[in-house]
Amino acid sequence: MGKCSGRCTLVAFCCLQLVAALERQIFDFLGYQWAPILANFLHIMAVILGIFGTVQYRSRYLILYAAWLVLWVGWNAFIICFYLEVGQLSQYPRPLCPQDRDFIMTFNTSLHRSWWMENGPGCLVTPVLNSRLALEDHHVISVTGCLLDYPYIEALSSALQIFLALFGFVFACYVSKVFLEEEDSFDFIGGFDSYGYQAPQKTSHLQLQPLYTSG
């Protein structure tokens, strides 16, 4: 019963992770943030691997899933620090300039701009015409009236990912431990010992009688 409840809970958390990752992937695609898109894709693959390992009793898949969650927590912690400009991202040696942000998030293929910057709750976007700050083929906008600024929305999204990952890591370790214990106990009783098993021999109740021929 405990094993079943642990497996069901892990599958439920994996499903929540999958939904949250797909939602985040959509908004990262809308913002052309290629580095988060790549990370989200790997996370989706790892979550699917975790679901498969849970359903099919594969402890190795769960171990790989748990190892990925450690990296996923680190990545989301970096995203929070990136958007909130915590620590070295805002202090010595210098704050991140726009070119650095473009390289980290988009590999310099486009300008880094979160989709929530212009589409956040209550945001009013006003184009700034004839601005000297505008680069070639780009324009400058002024965003006002947002109920919640986009850095906080991105940080909250990453915090949700960390929350789900921590619970998924705990249950993945628990369920994989249960699977490993079952494999060890099954091996101990001779489940995989082909030498300890002997097929029953068929005994024949028919007795051979000598044949007599009359001359």
N, C-alpha and C. Protein backbone atom coordinates (compact mmCIF):
# COMPACT_ATOMS: atom_id res chain seq x y z
N MET A 1 0.84 -1.20 0.00
CA MET A 1 0.00 0.00 0.00
C MET A 1 0.86 1.25 0.00
N GLY A 2 1.96 1.25 0.80
CA GLY A 2 2.86 2.39 0.83
C GLY A 2 3.55 2.58 -0.50
N LYS A 3 3.95 1.45 -1.12
CA LYS A 3 4.62 1.54 -2.41
C LYS A 3 3.67 2.12 -3.45
N CYS A 4 2.43 1.67 -3.43
CA CYS A 4 1.45 2.15 -4.40
C CYS A 4 1.20 3.63 -4.21
N SER A 5 1.05 4.08 -2.95
CA SER A 5 0.80 5.49 -2.69
C SER A 5 2.00 6.34 -3.09
N GLY A 6 3.21 5.84 -2.85
CA GLY A 6 4.41 6.57 -3.27
C GLY A 6 4.50 6.68 -4.77
N ARG A 7 4.22 5.61 -5.49
CA ARG A 7 4.25 5.64 -6.94
C ARG A 7 3.19 6.58 -7.48
N CYS A 8 2.00 6.52 -6.94
CA CYS A 8 0.92 7.39 -7.42
C CYS A 8 1.25 8.85 -7.16
N THR A 9 1.82 9.14 -6.00
CA THR A 9 2.19 10.52 -5.68
C THR A 9 3.27 11.01 -6.62
N LEU A 10 4.26 10.17 -6.92
CA LEU A 10 5.34 10.56 -7.82
C LEU A 10 4.80 10.80 -9.22
N VAL A 11 3.91 9.95 -9.69
CA VAL A 11 3.32 10.16 -11.02
C VAL A 11 2.54 11.46 -11.05
N ALA A 12 1.82 11.76 -9.96
CA ALA A 12 1.06 13.01 -9.90
C ALA A 12 1.98 14.23 -9.96
N PHE A 13 3.08 14.19 -9.21
CA PHE A 13 4.03 15.30 -9.25
C PHE A 13 4.69 15.42 -10.61
N CYS A 14 4.97 14.29 -11.25
CA CYS A 14 5.55 14.33 -12.58
C CYS A 14 4.58 14.96 -13.58
N CYS A 15 3.30 14.65 -13.44
CA CYS A 15 2.30 15.25 -14.33
C CYS A 15 2.22 16.76 -14.11
N LEU A 16 2.28 17.19 -12.85
CA LEU A 16 2.29 18.63 -12.56
C LEU A 16 3.54 19.29 -13.14
N GLN A 17 4.68 18.62 -13.02
CA GLN A 17 5.90 19.15 -13.60
C GLN A 17 5.79 19.26 -15.12
N LEU A 18 5.17 18.27 -15.72
CA LEU A 18 5.03 18.27 -17.18
C LEU A 18 4.15 19.43 -17.64
N VAL A 19 3.04 19.64 -16.94
CA VAL A 19 2.14 20.74 -17.30
C VAL A 19 2.84 22.10 -17.11
N ALA A 20 3.54 22.26 -15.97
CA ALA A 20 4.25 23.51 -15.71
C ALA A 20 5.36 23.74 -16.72
N ALA A 21 6.06 22.69 -17.11
CA ALA A 21 7.15 22.83 -18.09
C ALA A 21 6.60 23.19 -19.47
N LEU A 22 5.50 22.58 -19.88
CA LEU A 22 4.90 22.90 -21.16
C LEU A 22 4.39 24.34 -21.19
N GLU A 23 3.79 24.78 -20.08
CA GLU A 23 3.33 26.17 -20.00
C GLU A 23 4.50 27.13 -20.11
N ARG A 24 5.58 26.82 -19.43
CA ARG A 24 6.76 27.69 -19.49
C ARG A 24 7.40 27.65 -20.87
N GLN A 25 7.39 26.49 -21.50
CA GLN A 25 7.98 26.37 -22.83
C GLN A 25 7.24 27.25 -23.84
N ILE A 26 5.93 27.32 -23.72
CA ILE A 26 5.14 28.14 -24.64
C ILE A 26 5.53 29.61 -24.53
N PHE A 27 5.62 30.13 -23.31
CA PHE A 27 5.94 31.55 -23.13
C PHE A 27 7.39 31.85 -23.48
N ASP A 28 8.29 30.88 -23.28
CA ASP A 28 9.68 31.09 -23.70
C ASP A 28 9.79 31.10 -25.22
N PHE A 29 8.98 30.30 -25.91
CA PHE A 29 8.95 30.35 -27.37
C PHE A 29 8.44 31.71 -27.85
N LEU A 30 7.43 32.24 -27.18
CA LEU A 30 6.90 33.54 -27.57
C LEU A 30 7.91 34.66 -27.37
N GLY A 31 8.83 34.48 -26.40
CA GLY A 31 9.87 35.47 -26.14
C GLY A 31 11.18 35.18 -26.84
N TYR A 32 11.25 34.09 -27.63
CA TYR A 32 12.46 33.70 -28.37
C TYR A 32 13.66 33.55 -27.44
N GLN A 33 13.44 32.94 -26.29
CA GLN A 33 14.53 32.70 -25.34
C GLN A 33 15.02 31.27 -25.53
N TRP A 34 16.06 31.13 -26.34
CA TRP A 34 16.46 29.80 -26.80
C TRP A 34 17.14 28.98 -25.73
N ALA A 35 17.89 29.59 -24.84
CA ALA A 35 18.52 28.81 -23.77
C ALA A 35 17.48 28.20 -22.83
N PRO A 36 16.50 28.97 -22.34
CA PRO A 36 15.44 28.34 -21.54
C PRO A 36 14.63 27.31 -22.32
N ILE A 37 14.45 27.53 -23.62
CA ILE A 37 13.72 26.56 -24.44
C ILE A 37 14.45 25.22 -24.46
N LEU A 38 15.77 25.26 -24.62
CA LEU A 38 16.56 24.03 -24.61
C LEU A 38 16.49 23.35 -23.25
N ALA A 39 16.61 24.14 -22.17
CA ALA A 39 16.54 23.57 -20.82
C ALA A 39 15.17 22.96 -20.55
N ASN A 40 14.11 23.64 -21.00
CA ASN A 40 12.76 23.11 -20.80
C ASN A 40 12.56 21.80 -21.56
N PHE A 41 13.13 21.72 -22.76
CA PHE A 41 13.00 20.48 -23.55
C PHE A 41 13.67 19.31 -22.83
N LEU A 42 14.87 19.54 -22.32
CA LEU A 42 15.55 18.47 -21.58
C LEU A 42 14.76 18.09 -20.33
N HIS A 43 14.16 19.08 -19.67
CA HIS A 43 13.37 18.80 -18.47
C HIS A 43 12.14 17.96 -18.81
N ILE A 44 11.49 18.28 -19.91
CA ILE A 44 10.31 17.51 -20.32
C ILE A 44 10.69 16.06 -20.60
N MET A 45 11.82 15.85 -21.26
CA MET A 45 12.29 14.49 -21.53
C MET A 45 12.59 13.75 -20.22
N ALA A 46 13.21 14.44 -19.26
CA ALA A 46 13.54 13.80 -17.99
C ALA A 46 12.27 13.45 -17.21
N VAL A 47 11.27 14.31 -17.25
CA VAL A 47 10.01 14.03 -16.54
C VAL A 47 9.31 12.83 -17.16
N ILE A 48 9.30 12.76 -18.49
CA ILE A 48 8.71 11.59 -19.16
C ILE A 48 9.46 10.32 -18.78
N LEU A 49 10.79 10.42 -18.69
CA LEU A 49 11.60 9.28 -18.26
C LEU A 49 11.24 8.88 -16.83
N GLY A 50 11.01 9.87 -15.96
CA GLY A 50 10.61 9.56 -14.59
C GLY A 50 9.26 8.87 -14.51
N ILE A 51 8.31 9.31 -15.33
CA ILE A 51 6.99 8.67 -15.36
C ILE A 51 7.12 7.23 -15.85
N PHE A 52 7.90 7.03 -16.90
CA PHE A 52 8.09 5.68 -17.43
C PHE A 52 8.77 4.79 -16.39
N GLY A 53 9.78 5.31 -15.71
CA GLY A 53 10.46 4.51 -14.70
C GLY A 53 9.57 4.15 -13.53
N THR A 54 8.67 5.06 -13.18
CA THR A 54 7.74 4.79 -12.07
C THR A 54 6.73 3.73 -12.44
N VAL A 55 6.19 3.83 -13.64
CA VAL A 55 5.16 2.88 -14.07
C VAL A 55 5.75 1.50 -14.33
N GLN A 56 6.97 1.47 -14.90
CA GLN A 56 7.59 0.20 -15.29
C GLN A 56 8.54 -0.36 -14.23
N TYR A 57 8.56 0.23 -13.04
CA TYR A 57 9.41 -0.27 -11.94
C TYR A 57 10.89 -0.27 -12.35
N ARG A 58 11.35 0.79 -12.97
CA ARG A 58 12.74 0.91 -13.39
C ARG A 58 13.45 1.90 -12.46
N SER A 59 14.21 1.38 -11.52
CA SER A 59 14.87 2.24 -10.54
C SER A 59 15.97 3.09 -11.17
N ARG A 60 16.63 2.59 -12.21
CA ARG A 60 17.71 3.36 -12.84
C ARG A 60 17.17 4.61 -13.51
N TYR A 61 16.00 4.50 -14.12
CA TYR A 61 15.40 5.68 -14.73
C TYR A 61 15.04 6.72 -13.68
N LEU A 62 14.57 6.26 -12.53
CA LEU A 62 14.24 7.19 -11.45
C LEU A 62 15.50 7.87 -10.91
N ILE A 63 16.61 7.14 -10.88
CA ILE A 63 17.86 7.74 -10.41
C ILE A 63 18.32 8.83 -11.39
N LEU A 64 18.21 8.56 -12.69
CA LEU A 64 18.55 9.57 -13.69
C LEU A 64 17.62 10.77 -13.58
N TYR A 65 16.35 10.52 -13.35
CA TYR A 65 15.37 11.60 -13.18
C TYR A 65 15.70 12.45 -11.96
N ALA A 66 16.06 11.81 -10.86
CA ALA A 66 16.42 12.54 -9.64
C ALA A 66 17.70 13.35 -9.84
N ALA A 67 18.67 12.78 -10.56
CA ALA A 67 19.91 13.52 -10.82
C ALA A 67 19.64 14.75 -11.68
N TRP A 68 18.75 14.62 -12.65
CA TRP A 68 18.41 15.78 -13.48
C TRP A 68 17.72 16.87 -12.64
N LEU A 69 16.89 16.47 -11.69
CA LEU A 69 16.20 17.46 -10.87
C LEU A 69 17.17 18.33 -10.08
N VAL A 70 18.31 17.76 -9.69
CA VAL A 70 19.32 18.57 -9.01
C VAL A 70 19.82 19.67 -9.94
N LEU A 71 20.11 19.31 -11.20
CA LEU A 71 20.54 20.31 -12.17
C LEU A 71 19.43 21.31 -12.47
N TRP A 72 18.19 20.82 -12.49
CA TRP A 72 17.04 21.69 -12.78
C TRP A 72 16.84 22.73 -11.69
N VAL A 73 17.03 22.32 -10.45
CA VAL A 73 16.93 23.28 -9.34
C VAL A 73 18.01 24.35 -9.47
N GLY A 74 19.24 23.93 -9.81
CA GLY A 74 20.31 24.90 -9.99
C GLY A 74 20.03 25.88 -11.12
N TRP A 75 19.48 25.38 -12.24
CA TRP A 75 19.16 26.25 -13.37
C TRP A 75 18.09 27.27 -12.99
N ASN A 76 17.05 26.83 -12.31
CA ASN A 76 15.98 27.75 -11.93
C ASN A 76 16.44 28.75 -10.88
N ALA A 77 17.35 28.33 -10.01
CA ALA A 77 17.93 29.28 -9.05
C ALA A 77 18.72 30.36 -9.79
N PHE A 78 19.43 29.96 -10.85
CA PHE A 78 20.14 30.94 -11.66
C PHE A 78 19.17 31.90 -12.35
N ILE A 79 18.05 31.38 -12.86
CA ILE A 79 17.06 32.23 -13.52
C ILE A 79 16.51 33.27 -12.55
N ILE A 80 16.24 32.84 -11.31
CA ILE A 80 15.75 33.80 -10.31
C ILE A 80 16.78 34.89 -10.06
N CYS A 81 18.03 34.49 -9.89
CA CYS A 81 19.09 35.48 -9.68
C CYS A 81 19.29 36.36 -10.90
N PHE A 82 19.09 35.79 -12.08
CA PHE A 82 19.28 36.55 -13.32
C PHE A 82 18.25 37.67 -13.44
N TYR A 83 16.99 37.35 -13.21
CA TYR A 83 15.95 38.35 -13.39
C TYR A 83 15.90 39.35 -12.23
N LEU A 84 16.21 38.90 -11.04
CA LEU A 84 16.20 39.80 -9.89
C LEU A 84 17.54 40.48 -9.68
N GLU A 85 18.54 40.15 -10.52
CA GLU A 85 19.88 40.74 -10.47
C GLU A 85 20.47 40.61 -9.06
N VAL A 86 20.55 39.35 -8.63
CA VAL A 86 21.05 39.06 -7.29
C VAL A 86 22.54 38.72 -7.38
N GLY A 87 23.27 39.16 -6.39
CA GLY A 87 24.67 38.77 -6.26
C GLY A 87 25.54 39.31 -7.37
N GLN A 88 26.35 38.44 -7.99
CA GLN A 88 27.32 38.85 -8.99
C GLN A 88 26.66 39.36 -10.28
N LEU A 89 25.38 39.12 -10.45
CA LEU A 89 24.70 39.58 -11.65
C LEU A 89 24.42 41.08 -11.62
N SER A 90 24.57 41.73 -10.46
CA SER A 90 24.34 43.16 -10.37
C SER A 90 25.48 43.91 -9.72
N GLN A 91 26.49 43.19 -9.20
CA GLN A 91 27.57 43.84 -8.50
C GLN A 91 28.88 43.60 -9.24
N TYR A 92 29.97 43.50 -8.49
CA TYR A 92 31.31 43.33 -9.06
C TYR A 92 31.37 42.07 -9.93
N PRO A 93 32.08 42.15 -11.10
CA PRO A 93 32.86 43.27 -11.58
C PRO A 93 32.03 44.35 -12.26
N ARG A 94 30.83 43.99 -12.84
CA ARG A 94 29.95 44.99 -13.44
C ARG A 94 28.61 44.33 -13.67
N PRO A 95 27.54 45.10 -13.76
CA PRO A 95 26.24 44.51 -14.06
C PRO A 95 26.23 43.93 -15.47
N LEU A 96 25.31 43.02 -15.69
CA LEU A 96 25.19 42.45 -17.02
C LEU A 96 24.66 43.50 -17.99
N CYS A 97 25.37 43.71 -19.07
CA CYS A 97 24.91 44.64 -20.09
C CYS A 97 23.92 43.92 -21.00
N PRO A 98 23.18 44.63 -21.87
CA PRO A 98 22.21 43.96 -22.74
C PRO A 98 22.82 42.89 -23.61
N GLN A 99 24.08 43.09 -24.09
CA GLN A 99 24.70 42.06 -24.93
C GLN A 99 24.91 40.77 -24.16
N ASP A 100 25.29 40.89 -22.87
CA ASP A 100 25.48 39.69 -22.04
C ASP A 100 24.16 38.96 -21.84
N ARG A 101 23.09 39.72 -21.60
CA ARG A 101 21.79 39.09 -21.41
C ARG A 101 21.32 38.40 -22.69
N ASP A 102 21.57 39.04 -23.84
CA ASP A 102 21.19 38.42 -25.11
C ASP A 102 21.94 37.12 -25.32
N PHE A 103 23.22 37.08 -24.96
CA PHE A 103 24.01 35.87 -25.16
C PHE A 103 23.54 34.75 -24.24
N ILE A 104 23.24 35.08 -22.97
CA ILE A 104 22.83 34.05 -22.01
C ILE A 104 21.50 33.43 -22.38
N MET A 105 20.55 34.25 -22.80
CA MET A 105 19.20 33.76 -23.02
C MET A 105 18.90 33.39 -24.47
N THR A 106 19.53 34.06 -25.43
CA THR A 106 19.19 33.83 -26.83
C THR A 106 20.40 33.48 -27.69
N PHE A 107 21.58 33.33 -27.09
CA PHE A 107 22.81 33.04 -27.84
C PHE A 107 23.08 34.09 -28.91
N ASN A 108 22.69 35.35 -28.61
CA ASN A 108 22.89 36.48 -29.52
C ASN A 108 22.16 36.34 -30.85
N THR A 109 21.15 35.50 -30.92
CA THR A 109 20.37 35.38 -32.14
C THR A 109 19.26 36.42 -32.21
N SER A 110 18.89 37.01 -31.07
CA SER A 110 17.87 38.04 -31.03
C SER A 110 18.01 38.79 -29.71
N LEU A 111 17.25 39.87 -29.57
CA LEU A 111 17.26 40.62 -28.32
C LEU A 111 16.54 39.82 -27.24
N HIS A 112 17.12 39.83 -26.03
CA HIS A 112 16.47 39.15 -24.92
C HIS A 112 15.28 39.97 -24.44
N ARG A 113 14.12 39.39 -24.50
CA ARG A 113 12.91 40.09 -24.05
C ARG A 113 11.90 39.05 -23.60
N SER A 114 11.61 39.04 -22.33
CA SER A 114 10.60 38.13 -21.82
C SER A 114 9.23 38.50 -22.38
N TRP A 115 8.42 37.48 -22.68
CA TRP A 115 7.08 37.73 -23.20
C TRP A 115 6.24 38.51 -22.19
N TRP A 116 6.51 38.31 -20.91
CA TRP A 116 5.75 39.00 -19.87
C TRP A 116 6.09 40.47 -19.78
N MET A 117 7.17 40.92 -20.42
CA MET A 117 7.53 42.33 -20.36
C MET A 117 6.44 43.22 -20.96
N GLU A 118 5.86 42.77 -22.07
CA GLU A 118 4.82 43.54 -22.74
C GLU A 118 3.42 43.03 -22.46
N ASN A 119 3.31 41.79 -22.00
CA ASN A 119 1.99 41.17 -21.86
C ASN A 119 1.66 40.82 -20.42
N GLY A 120 2.36 41.44 -19.48
CA GLY A 120 2.05 41.20 -18.08
C GLY A 120 0.69 41.77 -17.69
N PRO A 121 0.18 41.38 -16.54
CA PRO A 121 -1.13 41.88 -16.11
C PRO A 121 -1.13 43.39 -15.93
N GLY A 122 -2.00 44.08 -16.66
CA GLY A 122 -2.15 45.52 -16.54
C GLY A 122 -1.12 46.35 -17.28
N CYS A 123 -0.23 45.74 -18.05
CA CYS A 123 0.85 46.48 -18.70
C CYS A 123 0.30 47.27 -19.89
N LEU A 124 0.77 48.50 -20.02
CA LEU A 124 0.43 49.38 -21.13
C LEU A 124 1.71 49.67 -21.90
N VAL A 125 1.72 49.25 -23.16
CA VAL A 125 2.91 49.37 -24.00
C VAL A 125 2.75 50.58 -24.91
N THR A 126 3.76 51.46 -24.90
CA THR A 126 3.76 52.66 -25.73
C THR A 126 5.05 52.69 -26.54
N PRO A 127 4.96 52.68 -27.89
CA PRO A 127 6.19 52.76 -28.69
C PRO A 127 6.84 54.13 -28.56
N VAL A 128 8.15 54.14 -28.50
CA VAL A 128 8.93 55.38 -28.47
C VAL A 128 9.49 55.59 -29.86
N LEU A 129 8.94 56.56 -30.57
CA LEU A 129 9.32 56.81 -31.95
C LEU A 129 10.60 57.64 -32.02
N ASN A 130 11.39 57.39 -33.05
CA ASN A 130 12.61 58.15 -33.32
C ASN A 130 13.57 58.16 -32.13
N SER A 131 13.69 57.00 -31.48
CA SER A 131 14.59 56.92 -30.34
C SER A 131 16.00 56.56 -30.82
N ARG A 132 16.99 57.24 -30.28
CA ARG A 132 18.38 56.97 -30.64
C ARG A 132 18.88 55.65 -30.04
N LEU A 133 18.13 55.11 -29.07
CA LEU A 133 18.53 53.86 -28.44
C LEU A 133 18.12 52.64 -29.25
N ALA A 134 17.28 52.86 -30.25
CA ALA A 134 16.78 51.74 -31.04
C ALA A 134 17.88 51.20 -31.94
N LEU A 135 18.07 49.89 -31.93
CA LEU A 135 19.01 49.25 -32.82
C LEU A 135 18.38 49.05 -34.19
N GLU A 136 19.16 48.57 -35.12
CA GLU A 136 18.66 48.35 -36.47
C GLU A 136 17.60 47.27 -36.45
N ASP A 137 16.49 47.53 -37.13
CA ASP A 137 15.35 46.60 -37.24
C ASP A 137 14.69 46.35 -35.89
N HIS A 138 14.87 47.25 -34.91
CA HIS A 138 14.22 47.12 -33.61
C HIS A 138 13.64 48.47 -33.21
N HIS A 139 12.77 48.43 -32.22
CA HIS A 139 12.14 49.66 -31.75
C HIS A 139 12.17 49.67 -30.23
N VAL A 140 12.03 50.86 -29.70
CA VAL A 140 12.04 51.05 -28.25
C VAL A 140 10.60 51.23 -27.78
N ILE A 141 10.26 50.60 -26.67
CA ILE A 141 8.92 50.72 -26.12
C ILE A 141 9.00 51.18 -24.67
N SER A 142 7.92 51.72 -24.22
CA SER A 142 7.78 52.11 -22.82
C SER A 142 6.63 51.31 -22.22
N VAL A 143 6.91 50.58 -21.16
CA VAL A 143 5.91 49.72 -20.51
C VAL A 143 5.58 50.32 -19.15
N THR A 144 4.31 50.61 -18.93
CA THR A 144 3.87 51.21 -17.66
C THR A 144 2.60 50.52 -17.19
N GLY A 145 2.29 50.74 -15.90
CA GLY A 145 1.03 50.27 -15.33
C GLY A 145 0.96 48.80 -15.01
N CYS A 146 2.09 48.08 -15.02
CA CYS A 146 2.05 46.64 -14.75
C CYS A 146 1.74 46.38 -13.27
N LEU A 147 0.80 45.48 -13.04
CA LEU A 147 0.50 45.09 -11.67
C LEU A 147 1.64 44.30 -11.06
N LEU A 148 2.36 43.55 -11.89
CA LEU A 148 3.51 42.77 -11.44
C LEU A 148 4.54 42.78 -12.56
N ASP A 149 5.72 43.30 -12.28
CA ASP A 149 6.75 43.39 -13.30
C ASP A 149 7.21 42.01 -13.75
N TYR A 150 7.67 41.96 -14.99
CA TYR A 150 8.03 40.67 -15.59
C TYR A 150 9.15 39.95 -14.86
N PRO A 151 10.15 40.62 -14.25
CA PRO A 151 11.17 39.85 -13.52
C PRO A 151 10.58 39.02 -12.38
N TYR A 152 9.56 39.57 -11.72
CA TYR A 152 8.94 38.83 -10.62
C TYR A 152 8.09 37.67 -11.13
N ILE A 153 7.46 37.84 -12.30
CA ILE A 153 6.69 36.74 -12.88
C ILE A 153 7.62 35.59 -13.26
N GLU A 154 8.76 35.93 -13.89
CA GLU A 154 9.73 34.89 -14.25
C GLU A 154 10.30 34.23 -13.00
N ALA A 155 10.55 35.01 -11.97
CA ALA A 155 11.10 34.45 -10.73
C ALA A 155 10.08 33.52 -10.05
N LEU A 156 8.81 33.92 -10.05
CA LEU A 156 7.78 33.06 -9.47
C LEU A 156 7.62 31.76 -10.25
N SER A 157 7.73 31.85 -11.57
CA SER A 157 7.66 30.64 -12.39
C SER A 157 8.80 29.68 -12.06
N SER A 158 10.00 30.23 -11.89
CA SER A 158 11.15 29.38 -11.53
C SER A 158 11.01 28.84 -10.11
N ALA A 159 10.45 29.64 -9.20
CA ALA A 159 10.24 29.16 -7.83
C ALA A 159 9.25 27.99 -7.82
N LEU A 160 8.22 28.05 -8.67
CA LEU A 160 7.28 26.93 -8.77
C LEU A 160 7.98 25.68 -9.29
N GLN A 161 8.87 25.84 -10.26
CA GLN A 161 9.62 24.71 -10.78
C GLN A 161 10.50 24.09 -9.70
N ILE A 162 11.12 24.93 -8.88
CA ILE A 162 11.97 24.42 -7.79
C ILE A 162 11.13 23.67 -6.77
N PHE A 163 9.96 24.20 -6.45
CA PHE A 163 9.07 23.54 -5.48
C PHE A 163 8.67 22.15 -5.97
N LEU A 164 8.25 22.05 -7.22
CA LEU A 164 7.86 20.75 -7.76
C LEU A 164 9.05 19.81 -7.87
N ALA A 165 10.23 20.36 -8.21
CA ALA A 165 11.41 19.52 -8.35
C ALA A 165 11.86 18.94 -7.01
N LEU A 166 11.76 19.71 -5.94
CA LEU A 166 12.16 19.22 -4.63
C LEU A 166 11.28 18.06 -4.19
N PHE A 167 9.98 18.21 -4.35
CA PHE A 167 9.08 17.12 -3.98
C PHE A 167 9.29 15.91 -4.89
N GLY A 168 9.49 16.16 -6.20
CA GLY A 168 9.75 15.05 -7.11
C GLY A 168 11.02 14.32 -6.77
N PHE A 169 12.06 15.06 -6.33
CA PHE A 169 13.32 14.43 -5.94
C PHE A 169 13.13 13.53 -4.73
N VAL A 170 12.39 13.99 -3.73
CA VAL A 170 12.18 13.20 -2.51
C VAL A 170 11.43 11.91 -2.84
N PHE A 171 10.35 12.02 -3.59
CA PHE A 171 9.56 10.82 -3.90
C PHE A 171 10.29 9.90 -4.88
N ALA A 172 11.10 10.47 -5.78
CA ALA A 172 11.88 9.62 -6.69
C ALA A 172 12.89 8.80 -5.91
N CYS A 173 13.55 9.40 -4.93
CA CYS A 173 14.49 8.66 -4.09
C CYS A 173 13.78 7.58 -3.29
N TYR A 174 12.61 7.90 -2.77
CA TYR A 174 11.86 6.92 -1.97
C TYR A 174 11.40 5.74 -2.83
N VAL A 175 10.80 6.03 -3.98
CA VAL A 175 10.28 4.96 -4.83
C VAL A 175 11.41 4.12 -5.39
N SER A 176 12.51 4.74 -5.81
CA SER A 176 13.65 3.97 -6.32
C SER A 176 14.25 3.08 -5.23
N LYS A 177 14.26 3.57 -3.99
CA LYS A 177 14.75 2.75 -2.87
C LYS A 177 13.85 1.53 -2.67
N VAL A 178 12.55 1.72 -2.78
CA VAL A 178 11.62 0.60 -2.65
C VAL A 178 11.84 -0.41 -3.77
N PHE A 179 12.03 0.08 -4.99
CA PHE A 179 12.27 -0.82 -6.12
C PHE A 179 13.55 -1.61 -5.94
N LEU A 180 14.62 -0.94 -5.48
CA LEU A 180 15.90 -1.63 -5.28
C LEU A 180 15.79 -2.69 -4.18
N GLU A 181 15.06 -2.39 -3.11
CA GLU A 181 14.88 -3.37 -2.04
C GLU A 181 14.11 -4.58 -2.54
N GLU A 182 13.12 -4.36 -3.37
CA GLU A 182 12.36 -5.49 -3.91
C GLU A 182 13.23 -6.33 -4.83
N GLU A 183 14.07 -5.69 -5.64
CA GLU A 183 14.95 -6.44 -6.52
C GLU A 183 15.95 -7.28 -5.71
N ASP A 184 16.48 -6.70 -4.63
CA ASP A 184 17.43 -7.44 -3.79
C ASP A 184 16.76 -8.63 -3.11
N SER A 185 15.56 -8.42 -2.59
CA SER A 185 14.86 -9.52 -1.91
C SER A 185 14.47 -10.61 -2.89
N PHE A 186 14.11 -10.24 -4.10
CA PHE A 186 13.75 -11.24 -5.10
C PHE A 186 14.96 -12.04 -5.53
N ASP A 187 16.11 -11.37 -5.62
CA ASP A 187 17.34 -12.07 -5.96
C ASP A 187 17.79 -12.98 -4.83
N PHE A 188 17.52 -12.58 -3.60
CA PHE A 188 17.94 -13.36 -2.44
C PHE A 188 17.22 -14.69 -2.35
N ILE A 189 15.94 -14.72 -2.72
CA ILE A 189 15.18 -15.96 -2.62
C ILE A 189 15.37 -16.83 -3.85
N GLY A 190 16.25 -16.38 -4.76
CA GLY A 190 16.55 -17.22 -5.91
C GLY A 190 15.73 -16.91 -7.13
N GLY A 191 15.19 -15.68 -7.18
CA GLY A 191 14.39 -15.33 -8.34
C GLY A 191 15.19 -15.26 -9.61
N PHE A 192 16.46 -14.87 -9.51
CA PHE A 192 17.30 -14.79 -10.69
C PHE A 192 18.37 -15.88 -10.71
N ASP A 193 18.28 -16.84 -9.82
CA ASP A 193 19.30 -17.90 -9.73
C ASP A 193 18.83 -19.08 -10.55
N SER A 194 19.39 -19.19 -11.73
CA SER A 194 18.97 -20.28 -12.60
C SER A 194 19.52 -21.62 -12.14
N TYR A 195 20.62 -21.58 -11.33
CA TYR A 195 21.21 -22.83 -10.89
C TYR A 195 20.44 -23.44 -9.72
N GLY A 196 19.72 -22.66 -9.00
CA GLY A 196 18.99 -23.20 -7.86
C GLY A 196 17.65 -23.77 -8.24
N TYR A 197 17.33 -23.67 -9.50
CA TYR A 197 16.01 -24.15 -9.94
C TYR A 197 16.20 -25.36 -10.82
N GLN A 198 15.46 -26.40 -10.52
CA GLN A 198 15.49 -27.61 -11.31
C GLN A 198 14.08 -27.95 -11.75
N ALA A 199 13.96 -28.17 -13.00
CA ALA A 199 12.63 -28.51 -13.52
C ALA A 199 12.20 -29.87 -13.02
N PRO A 200 10.95 -30.02 -12.68
CA PRO A 200 10.47 -31.34 -12.21
C PRO A 200 10.59 -32.37 -13.32
N GLN A 201 11.07 -33.52 -12.92
CA GLN A 201 11.23 -34.60 -13.88
C GLN A 201 9.96 -35.43 -13.96
N LYS A 202 9.62 -35.71 -15.18
CA LYS A 202 8.40 -36.49 -15.38
C LYS A 202 8.69 -37.97 -15.07
N THR A 203 7.84 -38.53 -14.28
CA THR A 203 7.98 -39.96 -13.94
C THR A 203 6.92 -40.74 -14.71
N SER A 204 7.37 -41.74 -15.33
CA SER A 204 6.44 -42.56 -16.11
C SER A 204 5.93 -43.72 -15.25
N HIS A 205 4.64 -43.91 -15.26
CA HIS A 205 4.02 -45.00 -14.51
C HIS A 205 3.96 -46.28 -15.35
N LEU A 206 4.38 -46.18 -16.60
CA LEU A 206 4.34 -47.36 -17.45
C LEU A 206 5.62 -48.14 -17.28
N GLN A 207 5.53 -49.40 -17.03
CA GLN A 207 6.69 -50.27 -16.89
C GLN A 207 6.88 -51.06 -18.18
N LEU A 208 8.15 -51.09 -18.58
CA LEU A 208 8.44 -51.84 -19.79
C LEU A 208 8.39 -53.33 -19.51
N GLN A 209 7.63 -54.06 -20.27
CA GLN A 209 7.51 -55.50 -20.13
C GLN A 209 8.21 -56.19 -21.32
N PRO A 210 8.86 -57.33 -21.03
CA PRO A 210 9.50 -58.04 -22.16
C PRO A 210 8.46 -58.61 -23.12
N LEU A 211 8.81 -58.63 -24.37
CA LEU A 211 7.91 -59.13 -25.39
C LEU A 211 8.27 -60.58 -25.71
N TYR A 212 7.26 -61.44 -25.72
CA TYR A 212 7.45 -62.84 -26.07
C TYR A 212 6.77 -63.11 -27.41
N THR A 213 7.48 -63.80 -28.23
CA THR A 213 6.94 -64.17 -29.53
C THR A 213 6.79 -65.69 -29.59
N SER A 214 5.71 -66.14 -30.12
CA SER A 214 5.48 -67.59 -30.26
C SER A 214 6.07 -68.06 -31.58
N GLY A 215 6.81 -69.17 -31.52
CA GLY A 215 7.47 -69.66 -32.71
C GLY A 215 6.58 -70.58 -33.54
